[in-house]
């Protein structure tokens, strides 16, 4: 029996070796050291999602913000007065941090010193998206939570293999978050920020499509409504005239800038291509998002996601997974680099 088990283990390792990336990541990295790792993360995400479904887009955004600053190394999780967590773009992620801390605590109890915080962030982002997709598509009344056998990864083909094996970084500085895309960036600036990390124009349009879920505070787009480009009271002409009054009602000129609005109007709880349709119809919320339609190079990708006649179509679910895998490989620490933190909020 021992020989059979050894043979099976050798075969599994041989199969896995074909997926090993140049940076050392691979699917099933914890197969032998902590085989329940991914199920623990999934369970933690589901538990918090039950209480607050809005945590899903924040977990997705957390992974994005982590990878764009010094690579996918969980630097976004560290506490401290000058840490990344304190930067303005990351303040709205507060509800997502307890999800990672919860998963880490359970993993340390089951497999001490094995699973990195960086891998937890990557896994949680994938599982959060799949939960959003499952609930919005099939059981909007949330009754599915009574079924312990539900596997949210089996939904409409949406999903991607999270390559694991990342280690955690030892630096976290709020000043480094300048590399994050801004809601006020031009297309050229957005392209450059993505290109700096090995991501192309299609990756840009695809990953920004993650705004199909989530919200934005009025303070980040109110300038489009009342004083666009400092033009003394005029609105952004790319906003649909029929949509402008709706936005003005949600975000009055002198109202609370912290009020949050769905980034995908009319479909904010569904992971779908409605976000791109809204851009086509002048109903984008952020200036940086709407520019994806006004710029010819990015508009062509948007049109492919919408299946515009005459263009080779793209399947959003498939391409989003591909771009997430690509993004998840940015600047990773593997092997003897970095560390496996005991808790995600502090360096060892």
C-alpha atoms as a PDB file:
ATOM      1  CA  UNK A   1       0.000   0.000   0.000  1.00  0.00           C
ATOM      2  CA  UNK A   2       2.839   2.379   0.862  1.00  0.00           C
ATOM      3  CA  UNK A   3       4.403   1.799  -2.551  1.00  0.00           C
ATOM      4  CA  UNK A   4       1.077   2.505  -4.262  1.00  0.00           C
ATOM      5  CA  UNK A   5       0.627   5.754  -2.331  1.00  0.00           C
ATOM      6  CA  UNK A   6       4.176   6.790  -3.151  1.00  0.00           C
ATOM      7  CA  UNK A   7       3.564   6.055  -6.830  1.00  0.00           C
ATOM      8  CA  UNK A   8       0.341   8.070  -6.803  1.00  0.00           C
ATOM      9  CA  UNK A   9       2.087  10.969  -5.107  1.00  0.00           C
ATOM     10  CA  UNK A  10       4.846  10.872  -7.713  1.00  0.00           C
ATOM     11  CA  UNK A  11       2.286  10.903 -10.526  1.00  0.00           C
ATOM     12  CA  UNK A  12       0.459  13.877  -8.999  1.00  0.00           C
ATOM     13  CA  UNK A  13       3.702  15.795  -8.624  1.00  0.00           C
ATOM     14  CA  UNK A  14       4.665  14.991 -12.205  1.00  0.00           C
ATOM     15  CA  UNK A  15       1.311  16.269 -13.459  1.00  0.00           C
ATOM     16  CA  UNK A  16       1.550  19.431 -11.348  1.00  0.00           C
ATOM     17  CA  UNK A  17       5.054  20.147 -12.587  1.00  0.00           C
ATOM     18  CA  UNK A  18       3.643  20.833 -16.051  1.00  0.00           C
ATOM     19  CA  UNK A  19       1.781  23.831 -14.582  1.00  0.00           C
ATOM     20  CA  UNK A  20       4.673  25.318 -12.643  1.00  0.00           C
ATOM     21  CA  UNK A  21       5.252  28.907 -13.757  1.00  0.00           C
ATOM     22  CA  UNK A  22       8.612  30.565 -14.264  1.00  0.00           C
ATOM     23  CA  UNK A  23       7.989  32.519 -11.070  1.00  0.00           C
ATOM     24  CA  UNK A  24       7.447  29.317  -9.079  1.00  0.00           C
ATOM     25  CA  UNK A  25       3.668  29.468  -8.704  1.00  0.00           C
ATOM     26  CA  UNK A  26       1.528  26.443  -9.461  1.00  0.00           C
ATOM     27  CA  UNK A  27      -1.991  25.162  -8.813  1.00  0.00           C
ATOM     28  CA  UNK A  28      -2.334  22.994  -5.724  1.00  0.00           C
ATOM     29  CA  UNK A  29       0.822  24.285  -4.038  1.00  0.00           C
ATOM     30  CA  UNK A  30      -0.549  23.240  -0.633  1.00  0.00           C
ATOM     31  CA  UNK A  31      -1.768  19.805  -1.724  1.00  0.00           C
ATOM     32  CA  UNK A  32       0.548  17.991   0.676  1.00  0.00           C
ATOM     33  CA  UNK A  33       1.444  20.659   3.239  1.00  0.00           C
ATOM     34  CA  UNK A  34      -2.101  21.915   3.906  1.00  0.00           C
ATOM     35  CA  UNK A  35      -4.664  20.140   1.712  1.00  0.00           C
ATOM     36  CA  UNK A  36      -7.622  21.966   3.293  1.00  0.00           C
ATOM     37  CA  UNK A  37      -6.138  25.423   2.657  1.00  0.00           C
ATOM     38  CA  UNK A  38      -8.389  26.422  -0.219  1.00  0.00           C
ATOM     39  CA  UNK A  39     -11.533  25.068   1.426  1.00  0.00           C
ATOM     40  CA  UNK A  40     -10.775  27.069   4.586  1.00  0.00           C
ATOM     41  CA  UNK A  41     -10.429  30.290   2.585  1.00  0.00           C
ATOM     42  CA  UNK A  42     -13.619  29.542   0.655  1.00  0.00           C
ATOM     43  CA  UNK A  43     -15.509  28.883   3.893  1.00  0.00           C
ATOM     44  CA  UNK A  44     -14.308  32.148   5.443  1.00  0.00           C
ATOM     45  CA  UNK A  45     -15.351  34.134   2.380  1.00  0.00           C
ATOM     46  CA  UNK A  46     -18.778  32.494   2.350  1.00  0.00           C
ATOM     47  CA  UNK A  47     -19.284  33.175   6.065  1.00  0.00           C
ATOM     48  CA  UNK A  48     -18.588  36.897   5.748  1.00  0.00           C
ATOM     49  CA  UNK A  49     -20.529  37.121   2.499  1.00  0.00           C
ATOM     50  CA  UNK A  50     -23.622  35.814   4.282  1.00  0.00           C
ATOM     51  CA  UNK A  51     -23.481  38.786   6.636  1.00  0.00           C
ATOM     52  CA  UNK A  52     -22.464  41.361   4.056  1.00  0.00           C
ATOM     53  CA  UNK A  53     -22.527  40.554   0.313  1.00  0.00           C
ATOM     54  CA  UNK A  54     -20.878  43.918  -0.364  1.00  0.00           C
ATOM     55  CA  UNK A  55     -17.627  42.401   0.894  1.00  0.00           C
ATOM     56  CA  UNK A  56     -17.220  40.497  -2.407  1.00  0.00           C
ATOM     57  CA  UNK A  57     -16.190  43.426  -4.646  1.00  0.00           C
ATOM     58  CA  UNK A  58     -13.932  44.696  -1.880  1.00  0.00           C
ATOM     59  CA  UNK A  59     -12.046  41.393  -1.784  1.00  0.00           C
ATOM     60  CA  UNK A  60     -11.620  41.570  -5.560  1.00  0.00           C
ATOM     61  CA  UNK A  61     -10.386  45.143  -5.353  1.00  0.00           C
ATOM     62  CA  UNK A  62      -8.045  44.235  -2.486  1.00  0.00           C
ATOM     63  CA  UNK A  63      -6.244  41.685  -4.677  1.00  0.00           C
ATOM     64  CA  UNK A  64      -6.007  44.258  -7.481  1.00  0.00           C
ATOM     65  CA  UNK A  65      -4.599  46.934  -5.169  1.00  0.00           C
ATOM     66  CA  UNK A  66      -2.182  44.502  -3.558  1.00  0.00           C
ATOM     67  CA  UNK A  67      -0.717  43.335  -6.863  1.00  0.00           C
ATOM     68  CA  UNK A  68      -0.361  46.845  -8.304  1.00  0.00           C
ATOM     69  CA  UNK A  69       1.834  47.945  -5.387  1.00  0.00           C
ATOM     70  CA  UNK A  70       5.134  46.040  -5.126  1.00  0.00           C
ATOM     71  CA  UNK A  71       3.502  42.894  -6.499  1.00  0.00           C
ATOM     72  CA  UNK A  72       1.085  40.348  -5.013  1.00  0.00           C
ATOM     73  CA  UNK A  73       2.771  40.119  -1.607  1.00  0.00           C
ATOM     74  CA  UNK A  74      -0.001  40.960   0.904  1.00  0.00           C
ATOM     75  CA  UNK A  75       1.647  44.301   1.692  1.00  0.00           C
ATOM     76  CA  UNK A  76      -1.847  45.818   1.668  1.00  0.00           C
ATOM     77  CA  UNK A  77      -2.762  43.922   4.848  1.00  0.00           C
ATOM     78  CA  UNK A  78      -0.111  45.307   7.195  1.00  0.00           C
ATOM     79  CA  UNK A  79      -1.113  47.681   9.996  1.00  0.00           C
ATOM     80  CA  UNK A  80       0.848  50.861  10.666  1.00  0.00           C
ATOM     81  CA  UNK A  81       0.552  54.635  10.434  1.00  0.00           C
ATOM     82  CA  UNK A  82       2.431  54.764   7.122  1.00  0.00           C
ATOM     83  CA  UNK A  83       1.368  51.381   5.702  1.00  0.00           C
ATOM     84  CA  UNK A  84      -0.486  50.848   2.402  1.00  0.00           C
ATOM     85  CA  UNK A  85      -3.707  50.184   4.280  1.00  0.00           C
ATOM     86  CA  UNK A  86      -3.831  53.856   5.335  1.00  0.00           C
ATOM     87  CA  UNK A  87      -3.674  55.242   1.778  1.00  0.00           C
ATOM     88  CA  UNK A  88      -6.874  56.901   0.525  1.00  0.00           C
ATOM     89  CA  UNK A  89      -7.518  54.347  -2.271  1.00  0.00           C
ATOM     90  CA  UNK A  90      -7.528  51.545   0.317  1.00  0.00           C
ATOM     91  CA  UNK A  91      -9.703  53.075   3.030  1.00  0.00           C
ATOM     92  CA  UNK A  92     -12.926  51.716   1.521  1.00  0.00           C
ATOM     93  CA  UNK A  93     -11.549  48.161   1.716  1.00  0.00           C
ATOM     94  CA  UNK A  94     -11.962  48.042   5.501  1.00  0.00           C
ATOM     95  CA  UNK A  95     -14.777  45.424   5.508  1.00  0.00           C
ATOM     96  CA  UNK A  96     -12.587  42.978   3.562  1.00  0.00           C
ATOM     97  CA  UNK A  97      -9.650  42.847   5.960  1.00  0.00           C
ATOM     98  CA  UNK A  98     -11.466  40.774   8.633  1.00  0.00           C
ATOM     99  CA  UNK A  99     -12.182  38.106   5.994  1.00  0.00           C
ATOM    100  CA  UNK A 100      -8.467  37.602   5.398  1.00  0.00           C
ATOM    101  CA  UNK A 101      -7.689  37.707   9.120  1.00  0.00           C
ATOM    102  CA  UNK A 102     -10.374  35.105   9.796  1.00  0.00           C
ATOM    103  CA  UNK A 103      -9.070  32.758   7.110  1.00  0.00           C
ATOM    104  CA  UNK A 104      -5.493  33.197   8.320  1.00  0.00           C
ATOM    105  CA  UNK A 105      -6.422  32.389  11.922  1.00  0.00           C
ATOM    106  CA  UNK A 106      -8.126  29.173  10.832  1.00  0.00           C
ATOM    107  CA  UNK A 107      -5.197  28.221   8.608  1.00  0.00           C
ATOM    108  CA  UNK A 108      -2.668  28.826  11.379  1.00  0.00           C
ATOM    109  CA  UNK A 109      -4.700  26.545  13.649  1.00  0.00           C
ATOM    110  CA  UNK A 110      -4.802  23.813  11.007  1.00  0.00           C
ATOM    111  CA  UNK A 111      -1.406  24.257   9.302  1.00  0.00           C
ATOM    112  CA  UNK A 112       0.877  26.613  11.255  1.00  0.00           C
ATOM    113  CA  UNK A 113       3.360  28.624   9.234  1.00  0.00           C
ATOM    114  CA  UNK A 114       2.396  27.150   5.869  1.00  0.00           C
ATOM    115  CA  UNK A 115      -0.087  29.327   3.939  1.00  0.00           C
ATOM    116  CA  UNK A 116       0.892  32.875   2.979  1.00  0.00           C
ATOM    117  CA  UNK A 117      -1.365  35.872   3.370  1.00  0.00           C
ATOM    118  CA  UNK A 118      -0.670  36.731  -0.281  1.00  0.00           C
ATOM    119  CA  UNK A 119      -2.189  33.427  -1.395  1.00  0.00           C
ATOM    120  CA  UNK A 120      -5.194  33.956   0.881  1.00  0.00           C
ATOM    121  CA  UNK A 121      -5.860  37.322  -0.799  1.00  0.00           C
ATOM    122  CA  UNK A 122      -5.651  35.748  -4.263  1.00  0.00           C
ATOM    123  CA  UNK A 123      -7.920  32.825  -3.361  1.00  0.00           C
ATOM    124  CA  UNK A 124     -10.445  35.056  -1.580  1.00  0.00           C
ATOM    125  CA  UNK A 125     -10.770  37.322  -4.631  1.00  0.00           C
ATOM    126  CA  UNK A 126     -11.627  34.367  -6.863  1.00  0.00           C
ATOM    127  CA  UNK A 127     -14.077  32.859  -4.377  1.00  0.00           C
ATOM    128  CA  UNK A 128     -15.763  36.218  -3.767  1.00  0.00           C
ATOM    129  CA  UNK A 129     -16.409  36.716  -7.486  1.00  0.00           C
ATOM    130  CA  UNK A 130     -17.816  33.225  -7.823  1.00  0.00           C
ATOM    131  CA  UNK A 131     -20.138  33.708  -4.867  1.00  0.00           C
ATOM    132  CA  UNK A 132     -21.383  36.947  -6.405  1.00  0.00           C
ATOM    133  CA  UNK A 133     -21.985  35.185  -9.693  1.00  0.00           C
ATOM    134  CA  UNK A 134     -23.733  32.226  -8.113  1.00  0.00           C
ATOM    135  CA  UNK A 135     -26.075  34.196  -5.889  1.00  0.00           C
ATOM    136  CA  UNK A 136     -27.007  36.841  -8.459  1.00  0.00           C
ATOM    137  CA  UNK A 137     -27.650  34.279 -11.191  1.00  0.00           C
ATOM    138  CA  UNK A 138     -29.433  31.490  -9.388  1.00  0.00           C
ATOM    139  CA  UNK A 139     -30.599  32.259  -5.875  1.00  0.00           C
ATOM    140  CA  UNK A 140     -31.071  35.963  -5.390  1.00  0.00           C
ATOM    141  CA  UNK A 141     -33.167  35.233  -2.295  1.00  0.00           C
ATOM    142  CA  UNK A 142     -29.986  33.830  -0.652  1.00  0.00           C
ATOM    143  CA  UNK A 143     -31.682  30.515   0.251  1.00  0.00           C
ATOM    144  CA  UNK A 144     -28.721  28.654  -1.239  1.00  0.00           C
ATOM    145  CA  UNK A 145     -26.815  29.280   1.986  1.00  0.00           C
ATOM    146  CA  UNK A 146     -28.854  26.496   3.591  1.00  0.00           C
ATOM    147  CA  UNK A 147     -27.296  24.002   1.200  1.00  0.00           C
ATOM    148  CA  UNK A 148     -23.900  22.847   2.476  1.00  0.00           C
ATOM    149  CA  UNK A 149     -23.233  20.990  -0.777  1.00  0.00           C
ATOM    150  CA  UNK A 150     -23.232  24.058  -2.998  1.00  0.00           C
ATOM    151  CA  UNK A 151     -19.922  24.598  -4.768  1.00  0.00           C
ATOM    152  CA  UNK A 152     -19.873  28.150  -6.060  1.00  0.00           C
ATOM    153  CA  UNK A 153     -16.984  27.347  -8.358  1.00  0.00           C
ATOM    154  CA  UNK A 154     -19.343  25.492 -10.710  1.00  0.00           C
ATOM    155  CA  UNK A 155     -21.169  28.536 -12.059  1.00  0.00           C
ATOM    156  CA  UNK A 156     -21.545  29.418 -15.709  1.00  0.00           C
ATOM    157  CA  UNK A 157     -17.942  28.518 -16.455  1.00  0.00           C
ATOM    158  CA  UNK A 158     -16.728  31.495 -14.453  1.00  0.00           C
ATOM    159  CA  UNK A 159     -13.552  30.867 -12.546  1.00  0.00           C
ATOM    160  CA  UNK A 160      -9.837  30.666 -12.872  1.00  0.00           C
ATOM    161  CA  UNK A 161      -7.102  28.482 -11.412  1.00  0.00           C
ATOM    162  CA  UNK A 162      -5.415  30.408  -8.621  1.00  0.00           C
ATOM    163  CA  UNK A 163      -1.745  29.544  -8.851  1.00  0.00           C
ATOM    164  CA  UNK A 164      -0.331  29.432  -5.335  1.00  0.00           C
ATOM    165  CA  UNK A 165       3.076  29.501  -3.724  1.00  0.00           C
ATOM    166  CA  UNK A 166       3.398  33.243  -3.066  1.00  0.00           C
ATOM    167  CA  UNK A 167       5.239  34.455  -0.002  1.00  0.00           C
ATOM    168  CA  UNK A 168       4.578  37.632   1.951  1.00  0.00           C
ATOM    169  CA  UNK A 169       6.510  40.863   1.553  1.00  0.00           C
ATOM    170  CA  UNK A 170       8.326  42.750   4.296  1.00  0.00           C
ATOM    171  CA  UNK A 171       7.597  46.322   3.130  1.00  0.00           C
ATOM    172  CA  UNK A 172       4.335  48.282   3.191  1.00  0.00           C
ATOM    173  CA  UNK A 173       4.316  52.019   2.497  1.00  0.00           C
ATOM    174  CA  UNK A 174       1.327  54.215   1.716  1.00  0.00           C
ATOM    175  CA  UNK A 175       3.594  56.322  -0.510  1.00  0.00           C
ATOM    176  CA  UNK A 176       3.937  53.369  -2.903  1.00  0.00           C
ATOM    177  CA  UNK A 177       0.223  53.456  -3.768  1.00  0.00           C
ATOM    178  CA  UNK A 178       0.836  56.205  -6.324  1.00  0.00           C
ATOM    179  CA  UNK A 179       1.146  53.379  -8.844  1.00  0.00           C
ATOM    180  CA  UNK A 180      -2.538  52.499  -8.405  1.00  0.00           C
ATOM    181  CA  UNK A 181      -4.891  53.508 -11.230  1.00  0.00           C
ATOM    182  CA  UNK A 182      -6.920  56.583 -10.335  1.00  0.00           C
ATOM    183  CA  UNK A 183     -10.534  57.429 -11.267  1.00  0.00           C
ATOM    184  CA  UNK A 184      -9.117  60.622 -12.783  1.00  0.00           C
ATOM    185  CA  UNK A 185      -6.485  58.968 -15.004  1.00  0.00           C
ATOM    186  CA  UNK A 186      -6.475  59.454 -18.761  1.00  0.00           C
ATOM    187  CA  UNK A 187      -6.409  56.374 -20.992  1.00  0.00           C
ATOM    188  CA  UNK A 188      -2.729  56.950 -21.728  1.00  0.00           C
ATOM    189  CA  UNK A 189      -1.910  57.031 -18.023  1.00  0.00           C
ATOM    190  CA  UNK A 190      -4.010  53.930 -17.392  1.00  0.00           C
ATOM    191  CA  UNK A 191      -2.267  52.096 -20.218  1.00  0.00           C
ATOM    192  CA  UNK A 192       1.139  53.061 -18.872  1.00  0.00           C
ATOM    193  CA  UNK A 193       0.337  51.905 -15.340  1.00  0.00           C
ATOM    194  CA  UNK A 194      -0.838  48.550 -16.653  1.00  0.00           C
ATOM    195  CA  UNK A 195       2.039  48.233 -19.115  1.00  0.00           C
ATOM    196  CA  UNK A 196       4.545  48.866 -16.323  1.00  0.00           C
ATOM    197  CA  UNK A 197       3.330  45.610 -14.793  1.00  0.00           C
ATOM    198  CA  UNK A 198       3.236  43.555 -17.986  1.00  0.00           C
ATOM    199  CA  UNK A 199      -0.488  43.996 -18.649  1.00  0.00           C
ATOM    200  CA  UNK A 200      -1.738  45.042 -22.091  1.00  0.00           C
ATOM    201  CA  UNK A 201      -4.724  47.063 -23.310  1.00  0.00           C
ATOM    202  CA  UNK A 202      -7.036  44.058 -23.327  1.00  0.00           C
ATOM    203  CA  UNK A 203      -6.048  43.276 -19.736  1.00  0.00           C
ATOM    204  CA  UNK A 204      -6.828  46.887 -18.831  1.00  0.00           C
ATOM    205  CA  UNK A 205     -10.342  46.786 -20.278  1.00  0.00           C
ATOM    206  CA  UNK A 206     -10.970  43.304 -18.879  1.00  0.00           C
ATOM    207  CA  UNK A 207      -9.832  43.986 -15.340  1.00  0.00           C
ATOM    208  CA  UNK A 208     -11.631  47.328 -15.163  1.00  0.00           C
ATOM    209  CA  UNK A 209     -14.671  45.248 -16.098  1.00  0.00           C
ATOM    210  CA  UNK A 210     -14.515  44.058 -12.491  1.00  0.00           C
ATOM    211  CA  UNK A 211     -16.429  47.281 -11.829  1.00  0.00           C
ATOM    212  CA  UNK A 212     -19.492  45.304 -12.840  1.00  0.00           C
ATOM    213  CA  UNK A 213     -19.721  44.834  -9.062  1.00  0.00           C
ATOM    214  CA  UNK A 214     -18.900  47.377  -6.382  1.00  0.00           C
ATOM    215  CA  UNK A 215     -19.501  51.042  -5.697  1.00  0.00           C
ATOM    216  CA  UNK A 216     -17.753  54.421  -5.861  1.00  0.00           C
ATOM    217  CA  UNK A 217     -18.051  57.401  -3.525  1.00  0.00           C
ATOM    218  CA  UNK A 218     -19.571  60.580  -4.957  1.00  0.00           C
ATOM    219  CA  UNK A 219     -16.366  62.490  -4.232  1.00  0.00           C
ATOM    220  CA  UNK A 220     -14.587  60.507  -6.945  1.00  0.00           C
ATOM    221  CA  UNK A 221     -16.909  61.486  -9.811  1.00  0.00           C
ATOM    222  CA  UNK A 222     -18.934  64.501  -8.693  1.00  0.00           C
ATOM    223  CA  UNK A 223     -16.593  66.749 -10.685  1.00  0.00           C
ATOM    224  CA  UNK A 224     -18.127  65.201 -13.830  1.00  0.00           C
ATOM    225  CA  UNK A 225     -21.552  66.459 -12.815  1.00  0.00           C
ATOM    226  CA  UNK A 226     -21.000  70.071 -11.808  1.00  0.00           C
ATOM    227  CA  UNK A 227     -17.563  71.370 -12.739  1.00  0.00           C
ATOM    228  CA  UNK A 228     -16.023  69.113 -15.332  1.00  0.00           C
ATOM    229  CA  UNK A 229     -12.444  70.101 -16.155  1.00  0.00           C
ATOM    230  CA  UNK A 230     -12.984  73.314 -14.153  1.00  0.00           C
ATOM    231  CA  UNK A 231     -15.454  74.589 -16.740  1.00  0.00           C
ATOM    232  CA  UNK A 232     -17.503  76.669 -14.309  1.00  0.00           C
ATOM    233  CA  UNK A 233     -20.542  74.534 -13.744  1.00  0.00           C
ATOM    234  CA  UNK A 234     -20.869  72.376 -16.849  1.00  0.00           C
ATOM    235  CA  UNK A 235     -21.098  68.593 -16.818  1.00  0.00           C
ATOM    236  CA  UNK A 236     -19.069  65.983 -18.664  1.00  0.00           C
ATOM    237  CA  UNK A 237     -20.520  65.833 -22.192  1.00  0.00           C
ATOM    238  CA  UNK A 238     -19.899  62.071 -22.369  1.00  0.00           C
ATOM    239  CA  UNK A 239     -22.586  61.491 -19.724  1.00  0.00           C
ATOM    240  CA  UNK A 240     -25.917  60.572 -21.297  1.00  0.00           C
ATOM    241  CA  UNK A 241     -28.341  63.528 -20.921  1.00  0.00           C
ATOM    242  CA  UNK A 242     -31.017  61.149 -19.648  1.00  0.00           C
ATOM    243  CA  UNK A 243     -28.626  59.712 -17.039  1.00  0.00           C
ATOM    244  CA  UNK A 244     -27.281  63.010 -15.703  1.00  0.00           C
ATOM    245  CA  UNK A 245     -30.339  63.896 -13.565  1.00  0.00           C
ATOM    246  CA  UNK A 246     -30.183  60.460 -11.943  1.00  0.00           C
ATOM    247  CA  UNK A 247     -26.551  60.975 -10.941  1.00  0.00           C
ATOM    248  CA  UNK A 248     -27.250  64.510  -9.733  1.00  0.00           C
ATOM    249  CA  UNK A 249     -30.033  63.175  -7.504  1.00  0.00           C
ATOM    250  CA  UNK A 250     -27.719  60.553  -6.043  1.00  0.00           C
ATOM    251  CA  UNK A 251     -24.846  63.013  -5.586  1.00  0.00           C
ATOM    252  CA  UNK A 252     -26.082  66.583  -5.024  1.00  0.00           C
ATOM    253  CA  UNK A 253     -23.509  69.312  -5.581  1.00  0.00           C
ATOM    254  CA  UNK A 254     -23.144  70.082  -1.883  1.00  0.00           C
ATOM    255  CA  UNK A 255     -24.094  66.654  -0.614  1.00  0.00           C
ATOM    256  CA  UNK A 256     -22.125  64.022   1.281  1.00  0.00           C
ATOM    257  CA  UNK A 257     -19.121  63.001  -0.801  1.00  0.00           C
ATOM    258  CA  UNK A 258     -18.967  59.613   0.941  1.00  0.00           C
ATOM    259  CA  UNK A 259     -22.337  58.452  -0.429  1.00  0.00           C
ATOM    260  CA  UNK A 260     -21.671  55.388  -2.587  1.00  0.00           C
ATOM    261  CA  UNK A 261     -23.175  54.601  -5.990  1.00  0.00           C
ATOM    262  CA  UNK A 262     -23.116  51.355  -7.983  1.00  0.00           C
ATOM    263  CA  UNK A 263     -20.377  51.404 -10.608  1.00  0.00           C
ATOM    264  CA  UNK A 264     -22.633  49.319 -12.865  1.00  0.00           C
ATOM    265  CA  UNK A 265     -25.994  51.084 -12.811  1.00  0.00           C
ATOM    266  CA  UNK A 266     -28.912  48.667 -12.922  1.00  0.00           C
ATOM    267  CA  UNK A 267     -26.711  45.585 -12.595  1.00  0.00           C
ATOM    268  CA  UNK A 268     -24.493  46.246  -9.592  1.00  0.00           C
ATOM    269  CA  UNK A 269     -25.121  42.857  -8.024  1.00  0.00           C
ATOM    270  CA  UNK A 270     -24.396  40.783 -11.135  1.00  0.00           C
ATOM    271  CA  UNK A 271     -21.033  39.820 -12.573  1.00  0.00           C
ATOM    272  CA  UNK A 272     -21.822  40.396 -16.242  1.00  0.00           C
ATOM    273  CA  UNK A 273     -21.146  42.595 -19.291  1.00  0.00           C
ATOM    274  CA  UNK A 274     -23.771  45.205 -18.404  1.00  0.00           C
ATOM    275  CA  UNK A 275     -20.914  47.445 -17.235  1.00  0.00           C
ATOM    276  CA  UNK A 276     -19.638  47.654 -20.812  1.00  0.00           C
ATOM    277  CA  UNK A 277     -23.128  48.316 -22.171  1.00  0.00           C
ATOM    278  CA  UNK A 278     -23.409  51.211 -19.741  1.00  0.00           C
ATOM    279  CA  UNK A 279     -20.166  52.674 -21.097  1.00  0.00           C
ATOM    280  CA  UNK A 280     -21.507  52.420 -24.640  1.00  0.00           C
ATOM    281  CA  UNK A 281     -24.638  54.282 -23.535  1.00  0.00           C
ATOM    282  CA  UNK A 282     -22.822  57.072 -21.674  1.00  0.00           C
ATOM    283  CA  UNK A 283     -23.729  55.675 -18.268  1.00  0.00           C
ATOM    284  CA  UNK A 284     -20.266  55.078 -16.848  1.00  0.00           C
ATOM    285  CA  UNK A 285     -19.733  56.420 -13.335  1.00  0.00           C
ATOM    286  CA  UNK A 286     -16.015  57.126 -13.124  1.00  0.00           C
ATOM    287  CA  UNK A 287     -14.339  59.339 -15.685  1.00  0.00           C
ATOM    288  CA  UNK A 288     -11.578  56.738 -16.115  1.00  0.00           C
ATOM    289  CA  UNK A 289     -14.198  54.063 -16.858  1.00  0.00           C
ATOM    290  CA  UNK A 290     -16.156  56.119 -19.384  1.00  0.00           C
ATOM    291  CA  UNK A 291     -12.932  56.898 -21.215  1.00  0.00           C
ATOM    292  CA  UNK A 292     -12.727  53.206 -22.140  1.00  0.00           C
ATOM    293  CA  UNK A 293     -15.487  53.977 -24.636  1.00  0.00           C
ATOM    294  CA  UNK A 294     -14.298  57.369 -25.829  1.00  0.00           C
ATOM    295  CA  UNK A 295     -10.781  56.100 -26.658  1.00  0.00           C
ATOM    296  CA  UNK A 296     -10.661  54.146 -29.932  1.00  0.00           C
ATOM    297  CA  UNK A 297      -8.164  51.492 -28.796  1.00  0.00           C
ATOM    298  CA  UNK A 298     -10.037  50.531 -25.639  1.00  0.00           C
ATOM    299  CA  UNK A 299     -13.472  50.960 -27.248  1.00  0.00           C
ATOM    300  CA  UNK A 300     -12.591  48.180 -29.700  1.00  0.00           C
ATOM    301  CA  UNK A 301     -12.107  45.769 -26.772  1.00  0.00           C
ATOM    302  CA  UNK A 302     -15.343  46.912 -25.121  1.00  0.00           C
ATOM    303  CA  UNK A 303     -17.164  46.269 -28.390  1.00  0.00           C
ATOM    304  CA  UNK A 304     -15.740  42.757 -28.584  1.00  0.00           C
ATOM    305  CA  UNK A 305     -17.091  41.999 -25.118  1.00  0.00           C
ATOM    306  CA  UNK A 306     -20.476  43.290 -26.249  1.00  0.00           C
ATOM    307  CA  UNK A 307     -20.388  41.206 -29.414  1.00  0.00           C
ATOM    308  CA  UNK A 308     -20.698  44.196 -31.730  1.00  0.00           C
ATOM    309  CA  UNK A 309     -21.342  42.953 -35.280  1.00  0.00           C
ATOM    310  CA  UNK A 310     -18.257  42.582 -37.426  1.00  0.00           C
ATOM    311  CA  UNK A 311     -15.834  42.128 -34.545  1.00  0.00           C
ATOM    312  CA  UNK A 312     -14.444  38.877 -33.168  1.00  0.00           C
ATOM    313  CA  UNK A 313     -16.215  38.502 -29.856  1.00  0.00           C
ATOM    314  CA  UNK A 314     -14.656  37.946 -26.446  1.00  0.00           C
ATOM    315  CA  UNK A 315     -16.253  36.011 -23.583  1.00  0.00           C
ATOM    316  CA  UNK A 316     -15.969  38.165 -20.471  1.00  0.00           C
ATOM    317  CA  UNK A 317     -15.937  35.314 -17.943  1.00  0.00           C
ATOM    318  CA  UNK A 318     -13.122  33.561 -19.783  1.00  0.00           C
ATOM    319  CA  UNK A 319     -10.992  36.634 -20.427  1.00  0.00           C
ATOM    320  CA  UNK A 320     -11.465  37.963 -16.922  1.00  0.00           C
ATOM    321  CA  UNK A 321     -10.073  34.723 -15.511  1.00  0.00           C
ATOM    322  CA  UNK A 322      -7.076  34.871 -17.846  1.00  0.00           C
ATOM    323  CA  UNK A 323      -6.284  38.455 -16.893  1.00  0.00           C
ATOM    324  CA  UNK A 324      -6.675  37.675 -13.191  1.00  0.00           C
ATOM    325  CA  UNK A 325      -4.133  34.856 -13.470  1.00  0.00           C
ATOM    326  CA  UNK A 326      -1.794  37.209 -15.313  1.00  0.00           C
ATOM    327  CA  UNK A 327      -2.248  39.927 -12.703  1.00  0.00           C
ATOM    328  CA  UNK A 328      -1.778  37.430  -9.886  1.00  0.00           C
ATOM    329  CA  UNK A 329       1.740  36.711 -11.158  1.00  0.00           C
ATOM    330  CA  UNK A 330       2.936  40.309 -10.782  1.00  0.00           C
ATOM    331  CA  UNK A 331       6.050  40.672  -8.649  1.00  0.00           C
ATOM    332  CA  UNK A 332       5.437  37.546  -6.592  1.00  0.00           C
ATOM    333  CA  UNK A 333       7.897  36.361  -3.953  1.00  0.00           C
ATOM    334  CA  UNK A 334       8.600  32.626  -3.977  1.00  0.00           C
ATOM    335  CA  UNK A 335      11.111  30.127  -2.678  1.00  0.00           C
ATOM    336  CA  UNK A 336      13.238  31.682   0.059  1.00  0.00           C
ATOM    337  CA  UNK A 337      12.168  35.254  -0.698  1.00  0.00           C
ATOM    338  CA  UNK A 338       9.814  37.039   1.665  1.00  0.00           C
ATOM    339  CA  UNK A 339       8.189  35.201   4.566  1.00  0.00           C
ATOM    340  CA  UNK A 340       5.068  33.375   5.700  1.00  0.00           C
ATOM    341  CA  UNK A 341       3.553  35.786   8.212  1.00  0.00           C
ATOM    342  CA  UNK A 342       2.154  34.459  11.475  1.00  0.00           C
ATOM    343  CA  UNK A 343      -0.592  37.076  11.258  1.00  0.00           C
ATOM    344  CA  UNK A 344      -1.399  39.062   8.144  1.00  0.00           C
ATOM    345  CA  UNK A 345      -1.409  42.468   9.810  1.00  0.00           C
ATOM    346  CA  UNK A 346       2.250  42.419  10.901  1.00  0.00           C
ATOM    347  CA  UNK A 347       5.652  41.310   9.687  1.00  0.00           C
ATOM    348  CA  UNK A 348       7.229  38.422  11.612  1.00  0.00           C
END
